[in-house]
Amino acid sequence: MKNEIIYLLSDEGIKVLAELITKNIKNELRPTSNATIEDEFLNIDELSKLIGLTKPTIYGHVHRKTIPFIKKGRMLRFSKLDILKWLQDGKSQSASNLEAKVNDYLAKNPLF
């Protein structure tokens, strides 16, 4: 059998230990200062492959200005970071999340 060490901690000792563990986990999860996210600019063919929409559908979004795009002269480009955020913003919300938003709105704006 292995030698086991058993520690007895008071409530305060457990609290201090939990705080140290939490601090260490947060430090591990925090991105390093030299890690930067660089944006990539896509043409319409690359965007079509990335998001699975046809070129005519993408042009329709550009025409209606419902998709983020950059146009210089005749050159049309799309920021990959902006597109990923646009996709995330359009994600369907769960019924409970929508219900919570409705309840918050009604609490702030009563009907009568």
C-alpha atoms as a PDB file:
ATOM      1  CA  MET A   1       0.000   0.000   0.000  1.00  0.00           C
ATOM      2  CA  LYS A   2       1.224   3.513  -0.813  1.00  0.00           C
ATOM      3  CA  ASN A   3       1.969   6.000   1.906  1.00  0.00           C
ATOM      4  CA  GLU A   4      -0.934   8.410   1.939  1.00  0.00           C
ATOM      5  CA  ILE A   5      -0.872  11.836   3.483  1.00  0.00           C
ATOM      6  CA  ILE A   6      -4.122  13.124   4.888  1.00  0.00           C
ATOM      7  CA  TYR A   7      -4.555  16.803   5.587  1.00  0.00           C
ATOM      8  CA  LEU A   8      -7.126  18.198   7.965  1.00  0.00           C
ATOM      9  CA  LEU A   9      -8.225  21.701   7.020  1.00  0.00           C
ATOM     10  CA  SER A  10     -10.426  24.147   8.807  1.00  0.00           C
ATOM     11  CA  ASP A  11     -13.213  25.933   6.969  1.00  0.00           C
ATOM     12  CA  GLU A  12     -10.885  28.910   6.514  1.00  0.00           C
ATOM     13  CA  GLY A  13      -8.134  26.625   5.182  1.00  0.00           C
ATOM     14  CA  ILE A  14     -10.541  25.114   2.645  1.00  0.00           C
ATOM     15  CA  LYS A  15     -11.579  28.623   1.568  1.00  0.00           C
ATOM     16  CA  VAL A  16      -7.946  29.695   1.065  1.00  0.00           C
ATOM     17  CA  LEU A  17      -7.171  26.503  -0.874  1.00  0.00           C
ATOM     18  CA  ALA A  18     -10.228  26.979  -3.111  1.00  0.00           C
ATOM     19  CA  GLU A  19      -9.199  30.588  -3.831  1.00  0.00           C
ATOM     20  CA  LEU A  20      -5.671  29.486  -4.777  1.00  0.00           C
ATOM     21  CA  ILE A  21      -6.986  26.764  -7.073  1.00  0.00           C
ATOM     22  CA  THR A  22      -9.404  29.215  -8.715  1.00  0.00           C
ATOM     23  CA  LYS A  23      -6.630  31.774  -9.213  1.00  0.00           C
ATOM     24  CA  ASN A  24      -4.361  29.162 -10.813  1.00  0.00           C
ATOM     25  CA  ILE A  25      -7.114  27.969 -13.156  1.00  0.00           C
ATOM     26  CA  LYS A  26      -7.892  31.548 -14.227  1.00  0.00           C
ATOM     27  CA  ASN A  27      -4.195  32.181 -14.906  1.00  0.00           C
ATOM     28  CA  GLU A  28      -4.004  29.042 -17.049  1.00  0.00           C
ATOM     29  CA  LEU A  29      -7.093  29.996 -19.054  1.00  0.00           C
ATOM     30  CA  ARG A  30      -6.065  33.635 -19.586  1.00  0.00           C
ATOM     31  CA  PRO A  31      -4.548  34.164 -23.045  1.00  0.00           C
ATOM     32  CA  THR A  32      -0.941  35.263 -23.044  1.00  0.00           C
ATOM     33  CA  SER A  33      -0.236  38.881 -23.902  1.00  0.00           C
ATOM     34  CA  ASN A  34       1.711  38.007 -27.046  1.00  0.00           C
ATOM     35  CA  ALA A  35      -1.122  35.869 -28.439  1.00  0.00           C
ATOM     36  CA  THR A  36      -3.059  37.971 -30.915  1.00  0.00           C
ATOM     37  CA  ILE A  37      -5.884  37.071 -33.189  1.00  0.00           C
ATOM     38  CA  GLU A  38      -5.115  38.243 -36.679  1.00  0.00           C
ATOM     39  CA  ASP A  39      -7.941  38.924 -39.054  1.00  0.00           C
ATOM     40  CA  GLU A  40      -8.033  37.270 -42.428  1.00  0.00           C
ATOM     41  CA  PHE A  41      -9.794  38.759 -45.422  1.00  0.00           C
ATOM     42  CA  LEU A  42     -11.659  36.415 -47.724  1.00  0.00           C
ATOM     43  CA  ASN A  43     -12.845  36.731 -51.284  1.00  0.00           C
ATOM     44  CA  ILE A  44     -16.321  35.536 -52.204  1.00  0.00           C
ATOM     45  CA  ASP A  45     -15.158  32.044 -53.232  1.00  0.00           C
ATOM     46  CA  GLU A  46     -13.367  31.517 -49.899  1.00  0.00           C
ATOM     47  CA  LEU A  47     -16.367  32.867 -47.993  1.00  0.00           C
ATOM     48  CA  SER A  48     -18.702  30.540 -49.888  1.00  0.00           C
ATOM     49  CA  LYS A  49     -16.596  27.543 -48.858  1.00  0.00           C
ATOM     50  CA  LEU A  50     -16.343  28.770 -45.252  1.00  0.00           C
ATOM     51  CA  ILE A  51     -20.048  29.314 -44.598  1.00  0.00           C
ATOM     52  CA  GLY A  52     -21.614  26.993 -47.159  1.00  0.00           C
ATOM     53  CA  LEU A  53     -23.656  29.591 -49.023  1.00  0.00           C
ATOM     54  CA  THR A  54     -23.686  29.989 -52.802  1.00  0.00           C
ATOM     55  CA  LYS A  55     -22.151  33.048 -54.410  1.00  0.00           C
ATOM     56  CA  PRO A  56     -25.558  34.415 -55.555  1.00  0.00           C
ATOM     57  CA  THR A  57     -26.879  34.101 -51.969  1.00  0.00           C
ATOM     58  CA  ILE A  58     -23.855  35.989 -50.642  1.00  0.00           C
ATOM     59  CA  TYR A  59     -24.283  38.698 -53.297  1.00  0.00           C
ATOM     60  CA  GLY A  60     -27.921  39.000 -52.187  1.00  0.00           C
ATOM     61  CA  HIS A  61     -26.803  39.536 -48.583  1.00  0.00           C
ATOM     62  CA  VAL A  62     -24.294  42.161 -49.759  1.00  0.00           C
ATOM     63  CA  HIS A  63     -26.984  43.936 -51.799  1.00  0.00           C
ATOM     64  CA  ARG A  64     -29.351  43.990 -48.776  1.00  0.00           C
ATOM     65  CA  LYS A  65     -26.415  44.906 -46.496  1.00  0.00           C
ATOM     66  CA  THR A  66     -27.231  42.020 -44.133  1.00  0.00           C
ATOM     67  CA  ILE A  67     -23.686  40.623 -44.126  1.00  0.00           C
ATOM     68  CA  PRO A  68     -20.517  42.497 -43.105  1.00  0.00           C
ATOM     69  CA  PHE A  69     -18.362  43.271 -46.140  1.00  0.00           C
ATOM     70  CA  ILE A  70     -15.648  45.607 -47.389  1.00  0.00           C
ATOM     71  CA  LYS A  71     -15.773  47.049 -50.880  1.00  0.00           C
ATOM     72  CA  LYS A  72     -12.961  49.050 -52.450  1.00  0.00           C
ATOM     73  CA  GLY A  73     -13.783  49.857 -56.036  1.00  0.00           C
ATOM     74  CA  ARG A  74     -14.890  46.562 -57.564  1.00  0.00           C
ATOM     75  CA  MET A  75     -13.007  44.461 -55.011  1.00  0.00           C
ATOM     76  CA  LEU A  76     -15.302  42.755 -52.489  1.00  0.00           C
ATOM     77  CA  ARG A  77     -13.739  41.272 -49.333  1.00  0.00           C
ATOM     78  CA  PHE A  78     -15.038  39.813 -46.091  1.00  0.00           C
ATOM     79  CA  SER A  79     -13.375  39.923 -42.676  1.00  0.00           C
ATOM     80  CA  LYS A  80     -13.282  36.381 -41.296  1.00  0.00           C
ATOM     81  CA  LEU A  81     -13.673  37.658 -37.708  1.00  0.00           C
ATOM     82  CA  ASP A  82     -16.683  39.797 -38.689  1.00  0.00           C
ATOM     83  CA  ILE A  83     -18.275  36.874 -40.546  1.00  0.00           C
ATOM     84  CA  LEU A  84     -17.815  34.506 -37.593  1.00  0.00           C
ATOM     85  CA  LYS A  85     -19.370  37.106 -35.269  1.00  0.00           C
ATOM     86  CA  TRP A  86     -22.223  37.614 -37.759  1.00  0.00           C
ATOM     87  CA  LEU A  87     -22.883  33.872 -37.781  1.00  0.00           C
ATOM     88  CA  GLN A  88     -22.764  33.724 -33.970  1.00  0.00           C
ATOM     89  CA  ASP A  89     -25.180  36.662 -33.668  1.00  0.00           C
ATOM     90  CA  GLY A  90     -27.648  34.886 -35.931  1.00  0.00           C
ATOM     91  CA  LYS A  91     -27.612  31.716 -33.845  1.00  0.00           C
ATOM     92  CA  SER A  92     -31.014  30.520 -32.713  1.00  0.00           C
ATOM     93  CA  GLN A  93     -31.834  31.172 -29.088  1.00  0.00           C
ATOM     94  CA  SER A  94     -33.238  28.543 -26.775  1.00  0.00           C
ATOM     95  CA  ALA A  95     -36.866  28.844 -25.704  1.00  0.00           C
ATOM     96  CA  SER A  96     -35.869  29.454 -22.082  1.00  0.00           C
ATOM     97  CA  ASN A  97     -33.445  32.207 -23.122  1.00  0.00           C
ATOM     98  CA  LEU A  98     -36.121  33.883 -25.242  1.00  0.00           C
ATOM     99  CA  GLU A  99     -38.647  33.578 -22.413  1.00  0.00           C
ATOM    100  CA  ALA A 100     -36.193  35.223 -20.014  1.00  0.00           C
ATOM    101  CA  LYS A 101     -35.686  38.113 -22.454  1.00  0.00           C
ATOM    102  CA  VAL A 102     -39.448  38.551 -22.836  1.00  0.00           C
ATOM    103  CA  ASN A 103     -39.903  38.549 -19.062  1.00  0.00           C
ATOM    104  CA  ASP A 104     -37.124  41.135 -18.649  1.00  0.00           C
ATOM    105  CA  TYR A 105     -38.684  43.340 -21.316  1.00  0.00           C
ATOM    106  CA  LEU A 106     -42.145  43.078 -19.806  1.00  0.00           C
ATOM    107  CA  ALA A 107     -40.787  43.850 -16.351  1.00  0.00           C
ATOM    108  CA  LYS A 108     -39.216  47.047 -17.691  1.00  0.00           C
ATOM    109  CA  ASN A 109     -42.148  47.920 -19.999  1.00  0.00           C
ATOM    110  CA  PRO A 110     -45.466  46.893 -18.435  1.00  0.00           C
ATOM    111  CA  LEU A 111     -48.386  46.562 -20.844  1.00  0.00           C
ATOM    112  CA  PHE A 112     -50.718  48.757 -18.763  1.00  0.00           C
END
